[in-house]
């Protein structure tokens, strides 16, 4: 049974924090799906990941290509199951996560912008929905300058 980890971004930009989390997930041997809500935003993220340092390159692909099932990291705006058979799902921009996904995967990471009141409210709604459904969840904040676990259910 997996868990949902909520990451409240207040210091580092999304692309930086996501790259760190992707690297850790790949280090665990997991395939990852990164789910957003907008195809254009996923294209932007694809470009950002390609511009990363050579020594920290994260092999990935943008959904819709001929090799989606082979991608270690697949960026998608689709709500359905990812074709790369991920062990980890990372969501951004309020992308939906079902309780069944949390229990079926090793981990679900929900990243949200702490400077956007709507994003914070959406994360609160997701926390309540997932924990009410019996999912294990952790809330992480970087407000102090380093990541700290602030809540767990």
C-alpha atoms as a PDB file:
ATOM      1  CA  UNK A   1       0.000   0.000   0.000  1.00  0.00           C
ATOM      2  CA  UNK A   2       1.420   3.359  -1.066  1.00  0.00           C
ATOM      3  CA  UNK A   3       1.264   6.808   0.418  1.00  0.00           C
ATOM      4  CA  UNK A   4       0.621  10.340  -0.784  1.00  0.00           C
ATOM      5  CA  UNK A   5       3.359  12.864  -0.031  1.00  0.00           C
ATOM      6  CA  UNK A   6       2.285  16.510  -0.294  1.00  0.00           C
ATOM      7  CA  UNK A   7       5.081  18.987  -1.083  1.00  0.00           C
ATOM      8  CA  UNK A   8       4.269  22.616  -0.240  1.00  0.00           C
ATOM      9  CA  UNK A   9       6.626  24.645  -2.451  1.00  0.00           C
ATOM     10  CA  UNK A  10       7.594  28.035  -1.036  1.00  0.00           C
ATOM     11  CA  UNK A  11      11.328  28.414  -1.701  1.00  0.00           C
ATOM     12  CA  UNK A  12      12.422  26.460  -4.754  1.00  0.00           C
ATOM     13  CA  UNK A  13      10.645  26.559  -8.129  1.00  0.00           C
ATOM     14  CA  UNK A  14       8.624  23.579  -9.296  1.00  0.00           C
ATOM     15  CA  UNK A  15      11.135  22.408 -11.898  1.00  0.00           C
ATOM     16  CA  UNK A  16      13.964  22.326  -9.324  1.00  0.00           C
ATOM     17  CA  UNK A  17      12.000  20.420  -6.673  1.00  0.00           C
ATOM     18  CA  UNK A  18      10.529  18.047  -9.241  1.00  0.00           C
ATOM     19  CA  UNK A  19      14.000  17.221 -10.600  1.00  0.00           C
ATOM     20  CA  UNK A  20      15.223  16.382  -7.072  1.00  0.00           C
ATOM     21  CA  UNK A  21      12.218  14.141  -6.412  1.00  0.00           C
ATOM     22  CA  UNK A  22      12.512  12.459  -9.809  1.00  0.00           C
ATOM     23  CA  UNK A  23      16.173  11.710  -9.152  1.00  0.00           C
ATOM     24  CA  UNK A  24      15.330  10.135  -5.781  1.00  0.00           C
ATOM     25  CA  UNK A  25      12.505   8.072  -7.281  1.00  0.00           C
ATOM     26  CA  UNK A  26      14.746   6.840 -10.079  1.00  0.00           C
ATOM     27  CA  UNK A  27      17.366   6.014  -7.433  1.00  0.00           C
ATOM     28  CA  UNK A  28      14.754   3.749  -5.839  1.00  0.00           C
ATOM     29  CA  UNK A  29      14.403   1.987  -9.200  1.00  0.00           C
ATOM     30  CA  UNK A  30      10.918   3.321  -9.881  1.00  0.00           C
ATOM     31  CA  UNK A  31       9.348   4.324 -13.159  1.00  0.00           C
ATOM     32  CA  UNK A  32       7.496   7.610 -12.746  1.00  0.00           C
ATOM     33  CA  UNK A  33       4.530   9.314 -14.366  1.00  0.00           C
ATOM     34  CA  UNK A  34       4.390  13.089 -13.967  1.00  0.00           C
ATOM     35  CA  UNK A  35       0.794  14.237 -14.382  1.00  0.00           C
ATOM     36  CA  UNK A  36      -0.186  17.819 -15.030  1.00  0.00           C
ATOM     37  CA  UNK A  37      -3.386  19.453 -16.174  1.00  0.00           C
ATOM     38  CA  UNK A  38      -2.191  21.216 -19.319  1.00  0.00           C
ATOM     39  CA  UNK A  39      -0.266  19.835 -22.302  1.00  0.00           C
ATOM     40  CA  UNK A  40       1.526  23.159 -22.807  1.00  0.00           C
ATOM     41  CA  UNK A  41       2.767  23.131 -19.237  1.00  0.00           C
ATOM     42  CA  UNK A  42       4.052  19.582 -19.693  1.00  0.00           C
ATOM     43  CA  UNK A  43       5.945  20.710 -22.822  1.00  0.00           C
ATOM     44  CA  UNK A  44       7.507  23.519 -20.748  1.00  0.00           C
ATOM     45  CA  UNK A  45       8.541  20.986 -18.105  1.00  0.00           C
ATOM     46  CA  UNK A  46       9.966  18.699 -20.803  1.00  0.00           C
ATOM     47  CA  UNK A  47      12.175  21.582 -21.995  1.00  0.00           C
ATOM     48  CA  UNK A  48      13.276  22.376 -18.424  1.00  0.00           C
ATOM     49  CA  UNK A  49      14.292  18.769 -17.797  1.00  0.00           C
ATOM     50  CA  UNK A  50      16.295  18.678 -21.049  1.00  0.00           C
ATOM     51  CA  UNK A  51      18.177  21.788 -19.890  1.00  0.00           C
ATOM     52  CA  UNK A  52      19.326  20.170 -16.644  1.00  0.00           C
ATOM     53  CA  UNK A  53      22.968  19.430 -15.903  1.00  0.00           C
ATOM     54  CA  UNK A  54      24.653  16.658 -17.892  1.00  0.00           C
ATOM     55  CA  UNK A  55      25.629  14.790 -14.738  1.00  0.00           C
ATOM     56  CA  UNK A  56      22.057  14.889 -13.449  1.00  0.00           C
ATOM     57  CA  UNK A  57      20.208  14.171 -16.690  1.00  0.00           C
ATOM     58  CA  UNK A  58      16.802  12.582 -16.139  1.00  0.00           C
ATOM     59  CA  UNK A  59      15.841  10.372 -19.074  1.00  0.00           C
ATOM     60  CA  UNK A  60      12.204  11.119 -19.835  1.00  0.00           C
ATOM     61  CA  UNK A  61       9.621  11.498 -22.546  1.00  0.00           C
ATOM     62  CA  UNK A  62       6.533  13.521 -23.282  1.00  0.00           C
ATOM     63  CA  UNK A  63       3.397  11.365 -23.618  1.00  0.00           C
ATOM     64  CA  UNK A  64       2.137  10.768 -27.101  1.00  0.00           C
ATOM     65  CA  UNK A  65       5.321   9.356 -28.592  1.00  0.00           C
ATOM     66  CA  UNK A  66       5.897   5.875 -29.994  1.00  0.00           C
ATOM     67  CA  UNK A  67       7.961   4.766 -26.978  1.00  0.00           C
ATOM     68  CA  UNK A  68       5.771   5.891 -24.056  1.00  0.00           C
ATOM     69  CA  UNK A  69       5.782   2.427 -22.492  1.00  0.00           C
ATOM     70  CA  UNK A  70       9.593   2.418 -22.358  1.00  0.00           C
ATOM     71  CA  UNK A  71      10.037   5.789 -20.673  1.00  0.00           C
ATOM     72  CA  UNK A  72      11.493   5.740 -17.137  1.00  0.00           C
ATOM     73  CA  UNK A  73       9.792   9.131 -16.605  1.00  0.00           C
ATOM     74  CA  UNK A  74       6.702   9.998 -18.630  1.00  0.00           C
ATOM     75  CA  UNK A  75       5.226  13.516 -18.623  1.00  0.00           C
ATOM     76  CA  UNK A  76       1.507  13.539 -19.310  1.00  0.00           C
ATOM     77  CA  UNK A  77      -1.608  15.651 -19.020  1.00  0.00           C
ATOM     78  CA  UNK A  78      -3.835  12.562 -19.319  1.00  0.00           C
ATOM     79  CA  UNK A  79      -5.842  11.371 -16.329  1.00  0.00           C
ATOM     80  CA  UNK A  80      -5.756   7.687 -17.249  1.00  0.00           C
ATOM     81  CA  UNK A  81      -3.168   5.049 -16.362  1.00  0.00           C
ATOM     82  CA  UNK A  82       0.276   5.898 -17.693  1.00  0.00           C
ATOM     83  CA  UNK A  83       1.592   3.475 -20.347  1.00  0.00           C
ATOM     84  CA  UNK A  84       5.050   3.273 -18.704  1.00  0.00           C
ATOM     85  CA  UNK A  85       3.645   1.248 -15.758  1.00  0.00           C
ATOM     86  CA  UNK A  86       4.890   3.623 -13.052  1.00  0.00           C
ATOM     87  CA  UNK A  87       5.545   2.753  -9.424  1.00  0.00           C
ATOM     88  CA  UNK A  88       5.360   6.465  -8.581  1.00  0.00           C
ATOM     89  CA  UNK A  89       3.024   9.234  -9.708  1.00  0.00           C
ATOM     90  CA  UNK A  90       3.978  12.889  -9.298  1.00  0.00           C
ATOM     91  CA  UNK A  91       1.280  15.493  -9.849  1.00  0.00           C
ATOM     92  CA  UNK A  92       1.386  19.231 -10.285  1.00  0.00           C
ATOM     93  CA  UNK A  93      -0.975  22.110 -10.936  1.00  0.00           C
ATOM     94  CA  UNK A  94      -3.825  20.406  -9.073  1.00  0.00           C
ATOM     95  CA  UNK A  95      -3.941  17.277 -11.243  1.00  0.00           C
ATOM     96  CA  UNK A  96      -6.374  14.766  -9.813  1.00  0.00           C
ATOM     97  CA  UNK A  97      -5.335  11.693  -7.866  1.00  0.00           C
ATOM     98  CA  UNK A  98      -7.734   8.881  -7.006  1.00  0.00           C
ATOM     99  CA  UNK A  99      -7.432   6.951  -3.731  1.00  0.00           C
ATOM    100  CA  UNK A 100      -7.098   3.774  -5.799  1.00  0.00           C
ATOM    101  CA  UNK A 101      -3.960   5.197  -7.386  1.00  0.00           C
ATOM    102  CA  UNK A 102      -2.398   5.922  -4.008  1.00  0.00           C
ATOM    103  CA  UNK A 103      -3.006   2.379  -2.782  1.00  0.00           C
ATOM    104  CA  UNK A 104      -1.836   0.777  -6.050  1.00  0.00           C
ATOM    105  CA  UNK A 105       1.460   2.676  -6.360  1.00  0.00           C
ATOM    106  CA  UNK A 106       4.560   2.813  -4.187  1.00  0.00           C
ATOM    107  CA  UNK A 107       4.201   6.577  -3.819  1.00  0.00           C
ATOM    108  CA  UNK A 108       2.221   9.550  -5.057  1.00  0.00           C
ATOM    109  CA  UNK A 109       3.836  12.988  -4.780  1.00  0.00           C
ATOM    110  CA  UNK A 110       1.569  16.020  -4.952  1.00  0.00           C
ATOM    111  CA  UNK A 111       3.519  19.239  -5.557  1.00  0.00           C
ATOM    112  CA  UNK A 112       1.772  22.557  -5.083  1.00  0.00           C
ATOM    113  CA  UNK A 113       2.718  26.231  -5.134  1.00  0.00           C
ATOM    114  CA  UNK A 114       2.527  27.647  -1.622  1.00  0.00           C
ATOM    115  CA  UNK A 115       2.277  31.206  -3.010  1.00  0.00           C
ATOM    116  CA  UNK A 116      -0.933  30.428  -4.904  1.00  0.00           C
ATOM    117  CA  UNK A 117      -3.982  30.404  -2.581  1.00  0.00           C
ATOM    118  CA  UNK A 118      -6.009  28.339  -5.066  1.00  0.00           C
ATOM    119  CA  UNK A 119      -3.268  25.703  -5.270  1.00  0.00           C
ATOM    120  CA  UNK A 120      -3.059  25.530  -1.477  1.00  0.00           C
ATOM    121  CA  UNK A 121      -6.834  25.138  -1.227  1.00  0.00           C
ATOM    122  CA  UNK A 122      -6.822  22.416  -3.897  1.00  0.00           C
ATOM    123  CA  UNK A 123      -4.107  20.535  -1.974  1.00  0.00           C
ATOM    124  CA  UNK A 124      -6.191  20.766   1.217  1.00  0.00           C
ATOM    125  CA  UNK A 125      -9.171  19.288  -0.622  1.00  0.00           C
ATOM    126  CA  UNK A 126      -6.974  16.482  -1.987  1.00  0.00           C
ATOM    127  CA  UNK A 127      -5.523  15.791   1.494  1.00  0.00           C
ATOM    128  CA  UNK A 128      -9.014  15.527   3.006  1.00  0.00           C
ATOM    129  CA  UNK A 129     -10.338  13.339   0.202  1.00  0.00           C
ATOM    130  CA  UNK A 130      -7.386  10.937   0.226  1.00  0.00           C
ATOM    131  CA  UNK A 131      -7.123  10.601   4.009  1.00  0.00           C
ATOM    132  CA  UNK A 132     -10.916  10.200   4.310  1.00  0.00           C
ATOM    133  CA  UNK A 133     -10.601   7.305   1.843  1.00  0.00           C
ATOM    134  CA  UNK A 134      -8.048   5.674   4.151  1.00  0.00           C
ATOM    135  CA  UNK A 135      -4.889   6.608   2.266  1.00  0.00           C
ATOM    136  CA  UNK A 136      -1.681   7.208   4.167  1.00  0.00           C
ATOM    137  CA  UNK A 137      -0.453  10.786   3.666  1.00  0.00           C
ATOM    138  CA  UNK A 138       2.424  13.037   4.672  1.00  0.00           C
ATOM    139  CA  UNK A 139       2.680  16.813   4.409  1.00  0.00           C
ATOM    140  CA  UNK A 140       6.142  18.285   3.750  1.00  0.00           C
ATOM    141  CA  UNK A 141       7.072  21.975   3.888  1.00  0.00           C
ATOM    142  CA  UNK A 142      10.258  23.784   2.868  1.00  0.00           C
ATOM    143  CA  UNK A 143       9.290  27.003   4.650  1.00  0.00           C
ATOM    144  CA  UNK A 144      12.190  26.763   7.122  1.00  0.00           C
ATOM    145  CA  UNK A 145      14.729  26.435   4.310  1.00  0.00           C
ATOM    146  CA  UNK A 146      14.863  22.654   4.334  1.00  0.00           C
ATOM    147  CA  UNK A 147      12.198  20.002   3.855  1.00  0.00           C
ATOM    148  CA  UNK A 148      10.416  19.046   7.081  1.00  0.00           C
ATOM    149  CA  UNK A 149       7.531  16.667   7.644  1.00  0.00           C
ATOM    150  CA  UNK A 150       4.767  18.717   9.270  1.00  0.00           C
ATOM    151  CA  UNK A 151       1.890  16.217   9.354  1.00  0.00           C
ATOM    152  CA  UNK A 152       1.157  12.555   8.811  1.00  0.00           C
ATOM    153  CA  UNK A 153      -1.988  10.470   8.668  1.00  0.00           C
END
